[in-house]
Amino acid sequence: MPSALSFQSIVQAQGGVTLTWSATVGQAYQVQFKSDLTQAAWTDLGAPIVATNTTCLATDAIGTNAQRFYRLGVQP
């Protein structure tokens, strides 16, 4: 498993965002978001994603949201 998780790319197109990151096959990852960093809670972006390759991706239909902040975590 990588020592630090980080997104490889974040691409916005047609009202959506695609996030990609390096992954370990078989490991589960959870992407979370919030629209304002002053909010206490993060919201899960769908269910955890189990890696089947060394690169994973998630998409978010952000619509008209002016901004979103994302974080990535490893599930136990």
PDB file of N, CA and C in Angstrom:
ATOM      1  N   MET A   1       0.848  -1.179   0.000  1.00  0.00           N
ATOM      2  CA  MET A   1       0.000   0.000   0.000  1.00  0.00           C
ATOM      3  C   MET A   1       0.891   1.240   0.000  1.00  0.00           C
ATOM      4  N   PRO A   2       0.500   2.268  -0.734  1.00  0.00           N
ATOM      5  CA  PRO A   2       1.287   3.500  -0.745  1.00  0.00           C
ATOM      6  C   PRO A   2       1.348   4.118   0.649  1.00  0.00           C
ATOM      7  N   SER A   3       2.444   4.813   0.946  1.00  0.00           N
ATOM      8  CA  SER A   3       2.583   5.427   2.267  1.00  0.00           C
ATOM      9  C   SER A   3       1.643   6.607   2.454  1.00  0.00           C
ATOM     10  N   ALA A   4       1.307   7.300   1.374  1.00  0.00           N
ATOM     11  CA  ALA A   4       0.385   8.437   1.459  1.00  0.00           C
ATOM     12  C   ALA A   4      -0.571   8.376   0.277  1.00  0.00           C
ATOM     13  N   LEU A   5      -1.848   8.527   0.570  1.00  0.00           N
ATOM     14  CA  LEU A   5      -2.841   8.531  -0.502  1.00  0.00           C
ATOM     15  C   LEU A   5      -2.972   9.925  -1.080  1.00  0.00           C
ATOM     16  N   SER A   6      -3.092   9.996  -2.384  1.00  0.00           N
ATOM     17  CA  SER A   6      -3.354  11.272  -3.024  1.00  0.00           C
ATOM     18  C   SER A   6      -3.961  11.004  -4.399  1.00  0.00           C
ATOM     19  N   PHE A   7      -4.730  11.949  -4.852  1.00  0.00           N
ATOM     20  CA  PHE A   7      -5.327  11.818  -6.173  1.00  0.00           C
ATOM     21  C   PHE A   7      -4.261  12.062  -7.228  1.00  0.00           C
ATOM     22  N   GLN A   8      -4.249  11.233  -8.274  1.00  0.00           N
ATOM     23  CA  GLN A   8      -3.347  11.430  -9.407  1.00  0.00           C
ATOM     24  C   GLN A   8      -3.885  12.524 -10.312  1.00  0.00           C
ATOM     25  N   SER A   9      -5.213  12.522 -10.474  1.00  0.00           N
ATOM     26  CA  SER A   9      -5.820  13.563 -11.302  1.00  0.00           C
ATOM     27  C   SER A   9      -7.256  13.805 -10.867  1.00  0.00           C
ATOM     28  N   ILE A  10      -7.701  15.022 -11.101  1.00  0.00           N
ATOM     29  CA  ILE A  10      -9.081  15.431 -10.882  1.00  0.00           C
ATOM     30  C   ILE A  10      -9.481  16.212 -12.125  1.00  0.00           C
ATOM     31  N   VAL A  11     -10.412  15.643 -12.896  1.00  0.00           N
ATOM     32  CA  VAL A  11     -10.799  16.235 -14.170  1.00  0.00           C
ATOM     33  C   VAL A  11     -12.285  16.588 -14.123  1.00  0.00           C
ATOM     34  N   GLN A  12     -12.589  17.845 -14.416  1.00  0.00           N
ATOM     35  CA  GLN A  12     -13.972  18.300 -14.447  1.00  0.00           C
ATOM     36  C   GLN A  12     -14.416  18.429 -15.897  1.00  0.00           C
ATOM     37  N   ALA A  13     -15.582  17.850 -16.211  1.00  0.00           N
ATOM     38  CA  ALA A  13     -16.132  17.946 -17.565  1.00  0.00           C
ATOM     39  C   ALA A  13     -17.625  17.660 -17.537  1.00  0.00           C
ATOM     40  N   GLN A  14     -18.396  18.430 -18.247  1.00  0.00           N
ATOM     41  CA  GLN A  14     -19.826  18.207 -18.457  1.00  0.00           C
ATOM     42  C   GLN A  14     -20.591  17.981 -17.145  1.00  0.00           C
ATOM     43  N   GLY A  15     -20.396  18.866 -16.174  1.00  0.00           N
ATOM     44  CA  GLY A  15     -21.136  18.789 -14.920  1.00  0.00           C
ATOM     45  C   GLY A  15     -20.730  17.674 -13.991  1.00  0.00           C
ATOM     46  N   GLY A  16     -19.562  17.103 -14.208  1.00  0.00           N
ATOM     47  CA  GLY A  16     -19.080  16.022 -13.356  1.00  0.00           C
ATOM     48  C   GLY A  16     -17.586  16.118 -13.119  1.00  0.00           C
ATOM     49  N   VAL A  17     -17.116  15.336 -12.159  1.00  0.00           N
ATOM     50  CA  VAL A  17     -15.694  15.273 -11.832  1.00  0.00           C
ATOM     51  C   VAL A  17     -15.283  13.806 -11.798  1.00  0.00           C
ATOM     52  N   THR A  18     -14.122  13.506 -12.378  1.00  0.00           N
ATOM     53  CA  THR A  18     -13.541  12.169 -12.298  1.00  0.00           C
ATOM     54  C   THR A  18     -12.243  12.269 -11.510  1.00  0.00           C
ATOM     55  N   LEU A  19     -12.148  11.454 -10.451  1.00  0.00           N
ATOM     56  CA  LEU A  19     -10.970  11.439  -9.581  1.00  0.00           C
ATOM     57  C   LEU A  19     -10.256  10.107  -9.766  1.00  0.00           C
ATOM     58  N   THR A  20      -8.934  10.121  -9.941  1.00  0.00           N
ATOM     59  CA  THR A  20      -8.164   8.885 -10.069  1.00  0.00           C
ATOM     60  C   THR A  20      -7.042   8.876  -9.051  1.00  0.00           C
ATOM     61  N   TRP A  21      -6.658   7.666  -8.615  1.00  0.00           N
ATOM     62  CA  TRP A  21      -5.575   7.518  -7.659  1.00  0.00           C
ATOM     63  C   TRP A  21      -4.903   6.154  -7.826  1.00  0.00           C
ATOM     64  N   SER A  22      -3.658   6.064  -7.366  1.00  0.00           N
ATOM     65  CA  SER A  22      -2.927   4.793  -7.352  1.00  0.00           C
ATOM     66  C   SER A  22      -3.509   3.924  -6.255  1.00  0.00           C
ATOM     67  N   ALA A  23      -3.638   2.629  -6.546  1.00  0.00           N
ATOM     68  CA  ALA A  23      -4.305   1.734  -5.611  1.00  0.00           C
ATOM     69  C   ALA A  23      -3.544   0.423  -5.467  1.00  0.00           C
ATOM     70  N   THR A  24      -3.894  -0.308  -4.422  1.00  0.00           N
ATOM     71  CA  THR A  24      -3.391  -1.650  -4.194  1.00  0.00           C
ATOM     72  C   THR A  24      -4.540  -2.613  -4.485  1.00  0.00           C
ATOM     73  N   VAL A  25      -4.311  -3.584  -5.370  1.00  0.00           N
ATOM     74  CA  VAL A  25      -5.353  -4.528  -5.756  1.00  0.00           C
ATOM     75  C   VAL A  25      -5.910  -5.211  -4.505  1.00  0.00           C
ATOM     76  N   GLY A  26      -7.243  -5.239  -4.392  1.00  0.00           N
ATOM     77  CA  GLY A  26      -7.916  -5.870  -3.257  1.00  0.00           C
ATOM     78  C   GLY A  26      -8.213  -4.929  -2.103  1.00  0.00           C
ATOM     79  N   GLN A  27      -7.593  -3.755  -2.099  1.00  0.00           N
ATOM     80  CA  GLN A  27      -7.815  -2.776  -1.025  1.00  0.00           C
ATOM     81  C   GLN A  27      -9.086  -1.978  -1.307  1.00  0.00           C
ATOM     82  N   ALA A  28      -9.850  -1.662  -0.254  1.00  0.00           N
ATOM     83  CA  ALA A  28     -11.065  -0.855  -0.392  1.00  0.00           C
ATOM     84  C   ALA A  28     -10.750   0.600  -0.053  1.00  0.00           C
ATOM     85  N   TYR A  29     -11.292   1.514  -0.848  1.00  0.00           N
ATOM     86  CA  TYR A  29     -11.078   2.953  -0.677  1.00  0.00           C
ATOM     87  C   TYR A  29     -12.430   3.658  -0.582  1.00  0.00           C
ATOM     88  N   GLN A  30     -12.484   4.725   0.203  1.00  0.00           N
ATOM     89  CA  GLN A  30     -13.702   5.537   0.298  1.00  0.00           C
ATOM     90  C   GLN A  30     -13.363   6.976  -0.050  1.00  0.00           C
ATOM     91  N   VAL A  31     -14.055   7.514  -1.051  1.00  0.00           N
ATOM     92  CA  VAL A  31     -13.935   8.924  -1.397  1.00  0.00           C
ATOM     93  C   VAL A  31     -15.029   9.668  -0.643  1.00  0.00           C
ATOM     94  N   GLN A  32     -14.680  10.806  -0.066  1.00  0.00           N
ATOM     95  CA  GLN A  32     -15.644  11.649   0.636  1.00  0.00           C
ATOM     96  C   GLN A  32     -15.533  13.075   0.123  1.00  0.00           C
ATOM     97  N   PHE A  33     -16.611  13.853   0.339  1.00  0.00           N
ATOM     98  CA  PHE A  33     -16.609  15.229  -0.125  1.00  0.00           C
ATOM     99  C   PHE A  33     -17.357  16.118   0.850  1.00  0.00           C
ATOM    100  N   LYS A  34     -17.120  17.413   0.694  1.00  0.00           N
ATOM    101  CA  LYS A  34     -17.927  18.447   1.336  1.00  0.00           C
ATOM    102  C   LYS A  34     -17.835  19.693   0.479  1.00  0.00           C
ATOM    103  N   SER A  35     -18.839  20.547   0.585  1.00  0.00           N
ATOM    104  CA  SER A  35     -18.882  21.765  -0.222  1.00  0.00           C
ATOM    105  C   SER A  35     -18.258  22.957   0.475  1.00  0.00           C
ATOM    106  N   ASP A  36     -18.057  22.839   1.775  1.00  0.00           N
ATOM    107  CA  ASP A  36     -17.536  23.946   2.575  1.00  0.00           C
ATOM    108  C   ASP A  36     -16.632  23.360   3.654  1.00  0.00           C
ATOM    109  N   LEU A  37     -15.404  23.812   3.732  1.00  0.00           N
ATOM    110  CA  LEU A  37     -14.465  23.254   4.706  1.00  0.00           C
ATOM    111  C   LEU A  37     -14.816  23.588   6.153  1.00  0.00           C
ATOM    112  N   THR A  38     -15.772  24.500   6.371  1.00  0.00           N
ATOM    113  CA  THR A  38     -16.200  24.777   7.737  1.00  0.00           C
ATOM    114  C   THR A  38     -17.234  23.752   8.222  1.00  0.00           C
ATOM    115  N   GLN A  39     -17.778  22.928   7.318  1.00  0.00           N
ATOM    116  CA  GLN A  39     -18.691  21.859   7.714  1.00  0.00           C
ATOM    117  C   GLN A  39     -17.920  20.827   8.520  1.00  0.00           C
ATOM    118  N   ALA A  40     -18.542  20.308   9.563  1.00  0.00           N
ATOM    119  CA  ALA A  40     -17.865  19.323  10.411  1.00  0.00           C
ATOM    120  C   ALA A  40     -17.766  17.952   9.740  1.00  0.00           C
ATOM    121  N   ALA A  41     -18.835  17.524   9.083  1.00  0.00           N
ATOM    122  CA  ALA A  41     -18.893  16.155   8.565  1.00  0.00           C
ATOM    123  C   ALA A  41     -18.569  16.081   7.075  1.00  0.00           C
ATOM    124  N   TRP A  42     -17.931  14.977   6.691  1.00  0.00           N
ATOM    125  CA  TRP A  42     -17.711  14.644   5.289  1.00  0.00           C
ATOM    126  C   TRP A  42     -18.818  13.695   4.856  1.00  0.00           C
ATOM    127  N   THR A  43     -19.150  13.690   3.564  1.00  0.00           N
ATOM    128  CA  THR A  43     -20.178  12.813   3.007  1.00  0.00           C
ATOM    129  C   THR A  43     -19.513  11.787   2.108  1.00  0.00           C
ATOM    130  N   ASP A  44     -19.879  10.507   2.281  1.00  0.00           N
ATOM    131  CA  ASP A  44     -19.336   9.462   1.412  1.00  0.00           C
ATOM    132  C   ASP A  44     -19.826   9.663  -0.014  1.00  0.00           C
ATOM    133  N   LEU A  45     -18.929   9.517  -0.950  1.00  0.00           N
ATOM    134  CA  LEU A  45     -19.276   9.562  -2.373  1.00  0.00           C
ATOM    135  C   LEU A  45     -19.502   8.113  -2.805  1.00  0.00           C
ATOM    136  N   GLY A  46     -20.721   7.624  -2.627  1.00  0.00           N
ATOM    137  CA  GLY A  46     -21.044   6.241  -2.955  1.00  0.00           C
ATOM    138  C   GLY A  46     -20.448   5.257  -1.967  1.00  0.00           C
ATOM    139  N   ALA A  47     -20.473   4.003  -2.357  1.00  0.00           N
ATOM    140  CA  ALA A  47     -19.950   2.912  -1.535  1.00  0.00           C
ATOM    141  C   ALA A  47     -18.428   2.841  -1.676  1.00  0.00           C
ATOM    142  N   PRO A  48     -17.758   2.152  -0.743  1.00  0.00           N
ATOM    143  CA  PRO A  48     -16.312   1.954  -0.906  1.00  0.00           C
ATOM    144  C   PRO A  48     -16.011   1.267  -2.244  1.00  0.00           C
ATOM    145  N   ILE A  49     -14.859   1.585  -2.798  1.00  0.00           N
ATOM    146  CA  ILE A  49     -14.418   1.027  -4.077  1.00  0.00           C
ATOM    147  C   ILE A  49     -13.279   0.057  -3.799  1.00  0.00           C
ATOM    148  N   VAL A  50     -13.442  -1.194  -4.219  1.00  0.00           N
ATOM    149  CA  VAL A  50     -12.388  -2.203  -4.056  1.00  0.00           C
ATOM    150  C   VAL A  50     -11.565  -2.223  -5.335  1.00  0.00           C
ATOM    151  N   ALA A  51     -10.270  -2.029  -5.182  1.00  0.00           N
ATOM    152  CA  ALA A  51      -9.378  -1.941  -6.342  1.00  0.00           C
ATOM    153  C   ALA A  51      -9.227  -3.289  -7.041  1.00  0.00           C
ATOM    154  N   THR A  52      -9.428  -3.279  -8.350  1.00  0.00           N
ATOM    155  CA  THR A  52      -9.171  -4.460  -9.175  1.00  0.00           C
ATOM    156  C   THR A  52      -7.956  -4.242 -10.066  1.00  0.00           C
ATOM    157  N   ASN A  53      -7.416  -3.008 -10.042  1.00  0.00           N
ATOM    158  CA  ASN A  53      -6.217  -2.628 -10.793  1.00  0.00           C
ATOM    159  C   ASN A  53      -5.374  -1.727  -9.891  1.00  0.00           C
ATOM    160  N   THR A  54      -4.242  -1.289 -10.413  1.00  0.00           N
ATOM    161  CA  THR A  54      -3.373  -0.405  -9.631  1.00  0.00           C
ATOM    162  C   THR A  54      -3.777   1.060  -9.740  1.00  0.00           C
ATOM    163  N   THR A  55      -4.833   1.332 -10.510  1.00  0.00           N
ATOM    164  CA  THR A  55      -5.411   2.674 -10.587  1.00  0.00           C
ATOM    165  C   THR A  55      -6.911   2.547 -10.380  1.00  0.00           C
ATOM    166  N   CYS A  56      -7.476   3.415  -9.545  1.00  0.00           N
ATOM    167  CA  CYS A  56      -8.924   3.441  -9.306  1.00  0.00           C
ATOM    168  C   CYS A  56      -9.466   4.790  -9.730  1.00  0.00           C
ATOM    169  N   LEU A  57     -10.788   4.817  -9.956  1.00  0.00           N
ATOM    170  CA  LEU A  57     -11.420   6.098 -10.247  1.00  0.00           C
ATOM    171  C   LEU A  57     -12.816   6.136  -9.656  1.00  0.00           C
ATOM    172  N   ALA A  58     -13.234   7.360  -9.394  1.00  0.00           N
ATOM    173  CA  ALA A  58     -14.592   7.629  -8.920  1.00  0.00           C
ATOM    174  C   ALA A  58     -15.089   8.848  -9.668  1.00  0.00           C
ATOM    175  N   THR A  59     -16.394   8.906  -9.880  1.00  0.00           N
ATOM    176  CA  THR A  59     -16.982  10.066 -10.541  1.00  0.00           C
ATOM    177  C   THR A  59     -18.023  10.697  -9.633  1.00  0.00           C
ATOM    178  N   ASP A  60     -18.161  12.003  -9.758  1.00  0.00           N
ATOM    179  CA  ASP A  60     -19.112  12.766  -8.960  1.00  0.00           C
ATOM    180  C   ASP A  60     -19.852  13.714  -9.883  1.00  0.00           C
ATOM    181  N   ALA A  61     -21.177  13.587  -9.924  1.00  0.00           N
ATOM    182  CA  ALA A  61     -22.012  14.492 -10.732  1.00  0.00           C
ATOM    183  C   ALA A  61     -22.262  15.744  -9.904  1.00  0.00           C
ATOM    184  N   ILE A  62     -21.394  16.736 -10.036  1.00  0.00           N
ATOM    185  CA  ILE A  62     -21.454  17.909  -9.169  1.00  0.00           C
ATOM    186  C   ILE A  62     -22.533  18.900  -9.574  1.00  0.00           C
ATOM    187  N   GLY A  63     -23.042  18.800 -10.787  1.00  0.00           N
ATOM    188  CA  GLY A  63     -24.094  19.709 -11.231  1.00  0.00           C
ATOM    189  C   GLY A  63     -23.663  21.156 -11.160  1.00  0.00           C
ATOM    190  N   THR A  64     -24.445  21.979 -10.465  1.00  0.00           N
ATOM    191  CA  THR A  64     -24.165  23.415 -10.391  1.00  0.00           C
ATOM    192  C   THR A  64     -23.411  23.825  -9.128  1.00  0.00           C
ATOM    193  N   ASN A  65     -22.919  22.862  -8.347  1.00  0.00           N
ATOM    194  CA  ASN A  65     -22.152  23.214  -7.145  1.00  0.00           C
ATOM    195  C   ASN A  65     -20.926  24.032  -7.525  1.00  0.00           C
ATOM    196  N   ALA A  66     -20.724  25.136  -6.837  1.00  0.00           N
ATOM    197  CA  ALA A  66     -19.614  26.037  -7.150  1.00  0.00           C
ATOM    198  C   ALA A  66     -18.268  25.426  -6.789  1.00  0.00           C
ATOM    199  N   GLN A  67     -18.255  24.605  -5.740  1.00  0.00           N
ATOM    200  CA  GLN A  67     -16.991  23.993  -5.322  1.00  0.00           C
ATOM    201  C   GLN A  67     -17.265  22.719  -4.538  1.00  0.00           C
ATOM    202  N   ARG A  68     -16.295  21.816  -4.555  1.00  0.00           N
ATOM    203  CA  ARG A  68     -16.331  20.589  -3.763  1.00  0.00           C
ATOM    204  C   ARG A  68     -14.912  20.309  -3.311  1.00  0.00           C
ATOM    205  N   PHE A  69     -14.773  19.792  -2.119  1.00  0.00           N
ATOM    206  CA  PHE A  69     -13.497  19.358  -1.572  1.00  0.00           C
ATOM    207  C   PHE A  69     -13.578  17.847  -1.397  1.00  0.00           C
ATOM    208  N   TYR A  70     -12.506  17.134  -1.748  1.00  0.00           N
ATOM    209  CA  TYR A  70     -12.502  15.676  -1.701  1.00  0.00           C
ATOM    210  C   TYR A  70     -11.375  15.172  -0.821  1.00  0.00           C
ATOM    211  N   ARG A  71     -11.625  14.000  -0.230  1.00  0.00           N
ATOM    212  CA  ARG A  71     -10.559  13.287   0.471  1.00  0.00           C
ATOM    213  C   ARG A  71     -10.729  11.796   0.195  1.00  0.00           C
ATOM    214  N   LEU A  72      -9.641  11.075   0.384  1.00  0.00           N
ATOM    215  CA  LEU A  72      -9.597   9.646   0.061  1.00  0.00           C
ATOM    216  C   LEU A  72      -9.092   8.904   1.282  1.00  0.00           C
ATOM    217  N   GLY A  73      -9.776   7.811   1.628  1.00  0.00           N
ATOM    218  CA  GLY A  73      -9.351   7.016   2.767  1.00  0.00           C
ATOM    219  C   GLY A  73      -9.331   5.534   2.439  1.00  0.00           C
ATOM    220  N   VAL A  74      -8.547   4.791   3.211  1.00  0.00           N
ATOM    221  CA  VAL A  74      -8.459   3.339   3.089  1.00  0.00           C
ATOM    222  C   VAL A  74      -9.452   2.732   4.078  1.00  0.00           C
ATOM    223  N   GLN A  75     -10.214   1.765   3.624  1.00  0.00           N
ATOM    224  CA  GLN A  75     -11.168   1.065   4.490  1.00  0.00           C
ATOM    225  C   GLN A  75     -10.484  -0.130   5.128  1.00  0.00           C
ATOM    226  N   PRO A  76     -10.847  -0.461   6.361  1.00  0.00           N
ATOM    227  CA  PRO A  76     -10.230  -1.622   7.027  1.00  0.00           C
ATOM    228  C   PRO A  76     -10.623  -2.937   6.391  1.00  0.00           C
TER     229      PRO A  76
END
